[in-house]
């Protein structure tokens, strides 16, 4: 069995994200992600900064973008 998702669901989600980004406080959002970036570079616990970012309406993708920027991205070795 293959799960088939109605394309309208994806379109609805895109619209929800557009609305979220338009309505959130951009200053708080940027400050929260900047703080997450700085905390991620330190030895501090990142969880409080993640919670702050979520409260500022940052998406999971935006939080992960910060971490990819700080930590990089794992790329497995290719075997031929």
PDB file of N, CA and C in Angstrom:
ATOM      1  N   UNK A   1       0.823  -1.184   0.000  1.00  0.00           N
ATOM      2  CA  UNK A   1       0.000   0.000   0.000  1.00  0.00           C
ATOM      3  C   UNK A   1       0.870   1.251   0.000  1.00  0.00           C
ATOM      4  N   UNK A   2       0.540   2.156  -0.851  1.00  0.00           N
ATOM      5  CA  UNK A   2       1.242   3.433  -0.923  1.00  0.00           C
ATOM      6  C   UNK A   2       0.264   4.528  -0.516  1.00  0.00           C
ATOM      7  N   UNK A   3       0.703   5.329   0.433  1.00  0.00           N
ATOM      8  CA  UNK A   3      -0.131   6.437   0.891  1.00  0.00           C
ATOM      9  C   UNK A   3      -0.177   7.506  -0.191  1.00  0.00           C
ATOM     10  N   UNK A   4      -1.365   7.875  -0.576  1.00  0.00           N
ATOM     11  CA  UNK A   4      -1.542   8.942  -1.561  1.00  0.00           C
ATOM     12  C   UNK A   4      -2.177  10.133  -0.849  1.00  0.00           C
ATOM     13  N   UNK A   5      -1.481  11.246  -0.898  1.00  0.00           N
ATOM     14  CA  UNK A   5      -1.953  12.455  -0.223  1.00  0.00           C
ATOM     15  C   UNK A   5      -2.533  13.394  -1.267  1.00  0.00           C
ATOM     16  N   UNK A   6      -3.676  13.911  -0.973  1.00  0.00           N
ATOM     17  CA  UNK A   6      -4.337  14.864  -1.861  1.00  0.00           C
ATOM     18  C   UNK A   6      -3.444  16.095  -2.016  1.00  0.00           C
ATOM     19  N   UNK A   7      -3.134  16.507  -3.244  1.00  0.00           N
ATOM     20  CA  UNK A   7      -2.284  17.690  -3.462  1.00  0.00           C
ATOM     21  C   UNK A   7      -2.823  18.953  -2.786  1.00  0.00           C
ATOM     22  N   UNK A   8      -4.118  19.003  -2.543  1.00  0.00           N
ATOM     23  CA  UNK A   8      -4.702  20.171  -1.870  1.00  0.00           C
ATOM     24  C   UNK A   8      -4.160  20.322  -0.453  1.00  0.00           C
ATOM     25  N   UNK A   9      -3.802  19.200   0.173  1.00  0.00           N
ATOM     26  CA  UNK A   9      -3.237  19.249   1.529  1.00  0.00           C
ATOM     27  C   UNK A   9      -1.921  20.025   1.506  1.00  0.00           C
ATOM     28  N   UNK A  10      -1.062  19.733   0.534  1.00  0.00           N
ATOM     29  CA  UNK A  10       0.207  20.451   0.401  1.00  0.00           C
ATOM     30  C   UNK A  10      -0.006  21.929   0.141  1.00  0.00           C
ATOM     31  N   UNK A  11      -0.960  22.231  -0.707  1.00  0.00           N
ATOM     32  CA  UNK A  11      -1.266  23.629  -1.015  1.00  0.00           C
ATOM     33  C   UNK A  11      -1.764  24.363   0.233  1.00  0.00           C
ATOM     34  N   UNK A  12      -2.594  23.678   1.023  1.00  0.00           N
ATOM     35  CA  UNK A  12      -3.095  24.283   2.258  1.00  0.00           C
ATOM     36  C   UNK A  12      -1.952  24.553   3.232  1.00  0.00           C
ATOM     37  N   UNK A  13      -1.012  23.619   3.324  1.00  0.00           N
ATOM     38  CA  UNK A  13       0.115  23.795   4.242  1.00  0.00           C
ATOM     39  C   UNK A  13       0.990  24.972   3.805  1.00  0.00           C
ATOM     40  N   UNK A  14       1.216  25.110   2.511  1.00  0.00           N
ATOM     41  CA  UNK A  14       2.002  26.239   1.998  1.00  0.00           C
ATOM     42  C   UNK A  14       1.324  27.555   2.375  1.00  0.00           C
ATOM     43  N   UNK A  15       0.017  27.609   2.235  1.00  0.00           N
ATOM     44  CA  UNK A  15      -0.722  28.826   2.597  1.00  0.00           C
ATOM     45  C   UNK A  15      -0.626  29.110   4.095  1.00  0.00           C
ATOM     46  N   UNK A  16      -0.695  28.061   4.917  1.00  0.00           N
ATOM     47  CA  UNK A  16      -0.570  28.244   6.368  1.00  0.00           C
ATOM     48  C   UNK A  16       0.809  28.802   6.725  1.00  0.00           C
ATOM     49  N   UNK A  17       1.849  28.297   6.059  1.00  0.00           N
ATOM     50  CA  UNK A  17       3.206  28.799   6.322  1.00  0.00           C
ATOM     51  C   UNK A  17       3.352  30.255   5.892  1.00  0.00           C
ATOM     52  N   UNK A  18       2.781  30.595   4.740  1.00  0.00           N
ATOM     53  CA  UNK A  18       2.830  31.987   4.280  1.00  0.00           C
ATOM     54  C   UNK A  18       2.155  32.906   5.299  1.00  0.00           C
ATOM     55  N   UNK A  19       1.006  32.469   5.812  1.00  0.00           N
ATOM     56  CA  UNK A  19       0.271  33.270   6.794  1.00  0.00           C
ATOM     57  C   UNK A  19       1.080  33.412   8.080  1.00  0.00           C
ATOM     58  N   UNK A  20       1.652  32.305   8.551  1.00  0.00           N
ATOM     59  CA  UNK A  20       2.465  32.332   9.769  1.00  0.00           C
ATOM     60  C   UNK A  20       3.614  33.327   9.617  1.00  0.00           C
ATOM     61  N   UNK A  21       4.314  33.249   8.496  1.00  0.00           N
ATOM     62  CA  UNK A  21       5.466  34.128   8.282  1.00  0.00           C
ATOM     63  C   UNK A  21       5.054  35.588   8.161  1.00  0.00           C
ATOM     64  N   UNK A  22       3.889  35.838   7.608  1.00  0.00           N
ATOM     65  CA  UNK A  22       3.412  37.218   7.454  1.00  0.00           C
ATOM     66  C   UNK A  22       2.950  37.818   8.781  1.00  0.00           C
ATOM     67  N   UNK A  23       2.432  36.980   9.670  1.00  0.00           N
ATOM     68  CA  UNK A  23       1.821  37.489  10.900  1.00  0.00           C
ATOM     69  C   UNK A  23       2.730  37.471  12.120  1.00  0.00           C
ATOM     70  N   UNK A  24       3.830  36.730  12.081  1.00  0.00           N
ATOM     71  CA  UNK A  24       4.681  36.653  13.272  1.00  0.00           C
ATOM     72  C   UNK A  24       5.477  37.946  13.449  1.00  0.00           C
ATOM     73  N   UNK A  25       5.928  38.182  14.653  1.00  0.00           N
ATOM     74  CA  UNK A  25       6.752  39.347  14.973  1.00  0.00           C
ATOM     75  C   UNK A  25       8.161  39.070  14.449  1.00  0.00           C
ATOM     76  N   UNK A  26       8.513  39.717  13.347  1.00  0.00           N
ATOM     77  CA  UNK A  26       9.790  39.441  12.682  1.00  0.00           C
ATOM     78  C   UNK A  26      10.996  39.747  13.572  1.00  0.00           C
ATOM     79  N   UNK A  27      10.871  40.785  14.392  1.00  0.00           N
ATOM     80  CA  UNK A  27      11.986  41.145  15.277  1.00  0.00           C
ATOM     81  C   UNK A  27      12.230  40.042  16.309  1.00  0.00           C
ATOM     82  N   UNK A  28      11.165  39.575  16.958  1.00  0.00           N
ATOM     83  CA  UNK A  28      11.304  38.502  17.953  1.00  0.00           C
ATOM     84  C   UNK A  28      11.817  37.222  17.302  1.00  0.00           C
ATOM     85  N   UNK A  29      11.307  36.922  16.115  1.00  0.00           N
ATOM     86  CA  UNK A  29      11.720  35.724  15.372  1.00  0.00           C
ATOM     87  C   UNK A  29      13.216  35.769  15.066  1.00  0.00           C
ATOM     88  N   UNK A  30      13.682  36.909  14.546  1.00  0.00           N
ATOM     89  CA  UNK A  30      15.100  37.039  14.198  1.00  0.00           C
ATOM     90  C   UNK A  30      15.970  36.971  15.446  1.00  0.00           C
ATOM     91  N   UNK A  31      15.567  37.667  16.502  1.00  0.00           N
ATOM     92  CA  UNK A  31      16.335  37.638  17.754  1.00  0.00           C
ATOM     93  C   UNK A  31      16.416  36.217  18.315  1.00  0.00           C
ATOM     94  N   UNK A  32      15.316  35.489  18.240  1.00  0.00           N
ATOM     95  CA  UNK A  32      15.299  34.117  18.766  1.00  0.00           C
ATOM     96  C   UNK A  32      16.222  33.207  17.959  1.00  0.00           C
ATOM     97  N   UNK A  33      16.206  33.332  16.638  1.00  0.00           N
ATOM     98  CA  UNK A  33      17.087  32.492  15.815  1.00  0.00           C
ATOM     99  C   UNK A  33      18.548  32.909  15.968  1.00  0.00           C
ATOM    100  N   UNK A  34      18.802  34.197  16.110  1.00  0.00           N
ATOM    101  CA  UNK A  34      20.176  34.658  16.360  1.00  0.00           C
ATOM    102  C   UNK A  34      20.686  34.114  17.690  1.00  0.00           C
ATOM    103  N   UNK A  35      19.823  34.130  18.708  1.00  0.00           N
ATOM    104  CA  UNK A  35      20.195  33.585  20.010  1.00  0.00           C
ATOM    105  C   UNK A  35      20.460  32.080  19.904  1.00  0.00           C
ATOM    106  N   UNK A  36      19.611  31.372  19.186  1.00  0.00           N
ATOM    107  CA  UNK A  36      19.810  29.932  18.990  1.00  0.00           C
ATOM    108  C   UNK A  36      21.158  29.669  18.321  1.00  0.00           C
ATOM    109  N   UNK A  37      21.501  30.487  17.341  1.00  0.00           N
ATOM    110  CA  UNK A  37      22.782  30.323  16.642  1.00  0.00           C
ATOM    111  C   UNK A  37      23.953  30.496  17.620  1.00  0.00           C
ATOM    112  N   UNK A  38      23.890  31.527  18.452  1.00  0.00           N
ATOM    113  CA  UNK A  38      24.977  31.780  19.405  1.00  0.00           C
ATOM    114  C   UNK A  38      25.066  30.682  20.464  1.00  0.00           C
ATOM    115  N   UNK A  39      23.927  30.268  20.996  1.00  0.00           N
ATOM    116  CA  UNK A  39      23.911  29.208  22.006  1.00  0.00           C
ATOM    117  C   UNK A  39      24.427  27.902  21.398  1.00  0.00           C
ATOM    118  N   UNK A  40      24.073  27.643  20.152  1.00  0.00           N
ATOM    119  CA  UNK A  40      24.514  26.413  19.488  1.00  0.00           C
ATOM    120  C   UNK A  40      26.026  26.374  19.298  1.00  0.00           C
ATOM    121  N   UNK A  41      26.650  27.529  19.241  1.00  0.00           N
ATOM    122  CA  UNK A  41      28.112  27.597  19.095  1.00  0.00           C
ATOM    123  C   UNK A  41      28.828  27.420  20.430  1.00  0.00           C
ATOM    124  N   UNK A  42      28.069  27.430  21.516  1.00  0.00           N
ATOM    125  CA  UNK A  42      28.658  27.344  22.855  1.00  0.00           C
ATOM    126  C   UNK A  42      28.422  25.952  23.446  1.00  0.00           C
ATOM    127  N   UNK A  43      28.801  25.802  24.704  1.00  0.00           N
ATOM    128  CA  UNK A  43      28.561  24.546  25.421  1.00  0.00           C
ATOM    129  C   UNK A  43      27.242  24.572  26.191  1.00  0.00           C
ATOM    130  N   UNK A  44      26.456  25.618  26.002  1.00  0.00           N
ATOM    131  CA  UNK A  44      25.189  25.753  26.728  1.00  0.00           C
ATOM    132  C   UNK A  44      24.144  24.766  26.207  1.00  0.00           C
ATOM    133  N   UNK A  45      23.146  24.515  27.044  1.00  0.00           N
ATOM    134  CA  UNK A  45      22.001  23.700  26.665  1.00  0.00           C
ATOM    135  C   UNK A  45      21.192  24.470  25.616  1.00  0.00           C
ATOM    136  N   UNK A  46      20.939  23.873  24.459  1.00  0.00           N
ATOM    137  CA  UNK A  46      20.217  24.566  23.388  1.00  0.00           C
ATOM    138  C   UNK A  46      18.698  24.548  23.574  1.00  0.00           C
ATOM    139  N   UNK A  47      18.196  23.681  24.443  1.00  0.00           N
ATOM    140  CA  UNK A  47      16.739  23.511  24.556  1.00  0.00           C
ATOM    141  C   UNK A  47      16.002  24.801  24.918  1.00  0.00           C
ATOM    142  N   UNK A  48      16.463  25.599  25.884  1.00  0.00           N
ATOM    143  CA  UNK A  48      15.755  26.860  26.155  1.00  0.00           C
ATOM    144  C   UNK A  48      15.718  27.786  24.928  1.00  0.00           C
ATOM    145  N   UNK A  49      16.791  27.809  24.152  1.00  0.00           N
ATOM    146  CA  UNK A  49      16.818  28.653  22.951  1.00  0.00           C
ATOM    147  C   UNK A  49      15.874  28.108  21.877  1.00  0.00           C
ATOM    148  N   UNK A  50      15.756  26.793  21.787  1.00  0.00           N
ATOM    149  CA  UNK A  50      14.816  26.184  20.837  1.00  0.00           C
ATOM    150  C   UNK A  50      13.387  26.548  21.235  1.00  0.00           C
ATOM    151  N   UNK A  51      13.080  26.442  22.512  1.00  0.00           N
ATOM    152  CA  UNK A  51      11.733  26.782  22.991  1.00  0.00           C
ATOM    153  C   UNK A  51      11.429  28.253  22.714  1.00  0.00           C
ATOM    154  N   UNK A  52      12.407  29.114  22.941  1.00  0.00           N
ATOM    155  CA  UNK A  52      12.238  30.547  22.639  1.00  0.00           C
ATOM    156  C   UNK A  52      11.950  30.747  21.148  1.00  0.00           C
ATOM    157  N   UNK A  53      12.679  30.036  20.290  1.00  0.00           N
ATOM    158  CA  UNK A  53      12.474  30.155  18.843  1.00  0.00           C
ATOM    159  C   UNK A  53      11.080  29.676  18.442  1.00  0.00           C
ATOM    160  N   UNK A  54      10.640  28.578  19.028  1.00  0.00           N
ATOM    161  CA  UNK A  54       9.301  28.060  18.726  1.00  0.00           C
ATOM    162  C   UNK A  54       8.234  29.059  19.178  1.00  0.00           C
ATOM    163  N   UNK A  55       8.413  29.640  20.345  1.00  0.00           N
ATOM    164  CA  UNK A  55       7.456  30.646  20.831  1.00  0.00           C
ATOM    165  C   UNK A  55       7.438  31.878  19.929  1.00  0.00           C
ATOM    166  N   UNK A  56       8.570  32.156  19.266  1.00  0.00           N
ATOM    167  CA  UNK A  56       8.650  33.280  18.329  1.00  0.00           C
ATOM    168  C   UNK A  56       8.150  32.872  16.943  1.00  0.00           C
ATOM    169  N   UNK A  57       7.583  31.667  16.854  1.00  0.00           N
ATOM    170  CA  UNK A  57       6.954  31.138  15.641  1.00  0.00           C
ATOM    171  C   UNK A  57       7.957  30.727  14.559  1.00  0.00           C
ATOM    172  N   UNK A  58       9.168  30.340  14.964  1.00  0.00           N
ATOM    173  CA  UNK A  58      10.123  29.773  14.012  1.00  0.00           C
ATOM    174  C   UNK A  58       9.648  28.374  13.641  1.00  0.00           C
ATOM    175  N   UNK A  59       9.857  27.991  12.395  1.00  0.00           N
ATOM    176  CA  UNK A  59       9.466  26.653  11.955  1.00  0.00           C
ATOM    177  C   UNK A  59      10.583  25.659  12.261  1.00  0.00           C
ATOM    178  N   UNK A  60      10.248  24.380  12.226  1.00  0.00           N
ATOM    179  CA  UNK A  60      11.258  23.336  12.417  1.00  0.00           C
ATOM    180  C   UNK A  60      12.346  23.481  11.355  1.00  0.00           C
ATOM    181  N   UNK A  61      11.947  23.772  10.133  1.00  0.00           N
ATOM    182  CA  UNK A  61      12.917  23.948   9.056  1.00  0.00           C
ATOM    183  C   UNK A  61      13.873  25.101   9.317  1.00  0.00           C
ATOM    184  N   UNK A  62      13.364  26.201   9.851  1.00  0.00           N
ATOM    185  CA  UNK A  62      14.218  27.355  10.149  1.00  0.00           C
ATOM    186  C   UNK A  62      15.191  27.043  11.279  1.00  0.00           C
ATOM    187  N   UNK A  63      14.721  26.314  12.281  1.00  0.00           N
ATOM    188  CA  UNK A  63      15.598  25.909  13.381  1.00  0.00           C
ATOM    189  C   UNK A  63      16.681  24.972  12.857  1.00  0.00           C
ATOM    190  N   UNK A  64      16.298  24.021  12.028  1.00  0.00           N
ATOM    191  CA  UNK A  64      17.279  23.094  11.445  1.00  0.00           C
ATOM    192  C   UNK A  64      18.264  23.818  10.531  1.00  0.00           C
ATOM    193  N   UNK A  65      17.806  24.854   9.832  1.00  0.00           N
ATOM    194  CA  UNK A  65      18.718  25.651   8.997  1.00  0.00           C
ATOM    195  C   UNK A  65      19.820  26.277   9.851  1.00  0.00           C
ATOM    196  N   UNK A  66      19.449  26.781  11.031  1.00  0.00           N
ATOM    197  CA  UNK A  66      20.443  27.354  11.948  1.00  0.00           C
ATOM    198  C   UNK A  66      21.462  26.286  12.323  1.00  0.00           C
ATOM    199  N   UNK A  67      20.983  25.110  12.694  1.00  0.00           N
ATOM    200  CA  UNK A  67      21.899  24.041  13.103  1.00  0.00           C
ATOM    201  C   UNK A  67      22.785  23.567  11.960  1.00  0.00           C
ATOM    202  N   UNK A  68      22.227  23.494  10.741  1.00  0.00           N
ATOM    203  CA  UNK A  68      23.064  23.118   9.590  1.00  0.00           C
ATOM    204  C   UNK A  68      24.162  24.151   9.378  1.00  0.00           C
ATOM    205  N   UNK A  69      23.813  25.418   9.578  1.00  0.00           N
ATOM    206  CA  UNK A  69      24.790  26.495   9.429  1.00  0.00           C
ATOM    207  C   UNK A  69      25.896  26.380  10.480  1.00  0.00           C
ATOM    208  N   UNK A  70      25.523  26.042  11.710  1.00  0.00           N
ATOM    209  CA  UNK A  70      26.488  25.959  12.812  1.00  0.00           C
ATOM    210  C   UNK A  70      27.290  24.666  12.766  1.00  0.00           C
ATOM    211  N   UNK A  71      26.596  23.536  12.613  1.00  0.00           N
ATOM    212  CA  UNK A  71      27.240  22.229  12.743  1.00  0.00           C
ATOM    213  C   UNK A  71      27.608  21.571  11.416  1.00  0.00           C
ATOM    214  N   UNK A  72      27.035  22.046  10.335  1.00  0.00           N
ATOM    215  CA  UNK A  72      27.251  21.390   9.055  1.00  0.00           C
ATOM    216  C   UNK A  72      26.234  20.279   8.853  1.00  0.00           C
ATOM    217  N   UNK A  73      26.444  19.536   7.792  1.00  0.00           N
ATOM    218  CA  UNK A  73      25.503  18.480   7.443  1.00  0.00           C
ATOM    219  C   UNK A  73      26.271  17.195   7.192  1.00  0.00           C
ATOM    220  N   UNK A  74      25.803  16.105   7.761  1.00  0.00           N
ATOM    221  CA  UNK A  74      26.464  14.813   7.586  1.00  0.00           C
ATOM    222  C   UNK A  74      26.278  14.323   6.158  1.00  0.00           C
ATOM    223  N   UNK A  75      27.365  13.942   5.557  1.00  0.00           N
ATOM    224  CA  UNK A  75      27.338  13.352   4.219  1.00  0.00           C
ATOM    225  C   UNK A  75      28.078  12.020   4.297  1.00  0.00           C
ATOM    226  N   UNK A  76      27.363  10.913   4.148  1.00  0.00           N
ATOM    227  CA  UNK A  76      28.038   9.620   4.229  1.00  0.00           C
ATOM    228  C   UNK A  76      29.013   9.445   3.068  1.00  0.00           C
ATOM    229  N   UNK A  77      30.053   8.662   3.327  1.00  0.00           N
ATOM    230  CA  UNK A  77      31.013   8.370   2.266  1.00  0.00           C
ATOM    231  C   UNK A  77      30.335   7.525   1.203  1.00  0.00           C
ATOM    232  N   UNK A  78      30.722   7.780  -0.019  1.00  0.00           N
ATOM    233  CA  UNK A  78      30.175   6.984  -1.118  1.00  0.00           C
ATOM    234  C   UNK A  78      31.097   5.805  -1.382  1.00  0.00           C
ATOM    235  N   UNK A  79      30.505   4.649  -1.502  1.00  0.00           N
ATOM    236  CA  UNK A  79      31.270   3.448  -1.807  1.00  0.00           C
ATOM    237  C   UNK A  79      30.947   3.018  -3.222  1.00  0.00           C
ATOM    238  N   UNK A  80      31.992   2.738  -3.959  1.00  0.00           N
ATOM    239  CA  UNK A  80      31.787   2.327  -5.353  1.00  0.00           C
ATOM    240  C   UNK A  80      32.019   0.850  -5.482  1.00  0.00           C
TER     241      UNK A  80
END
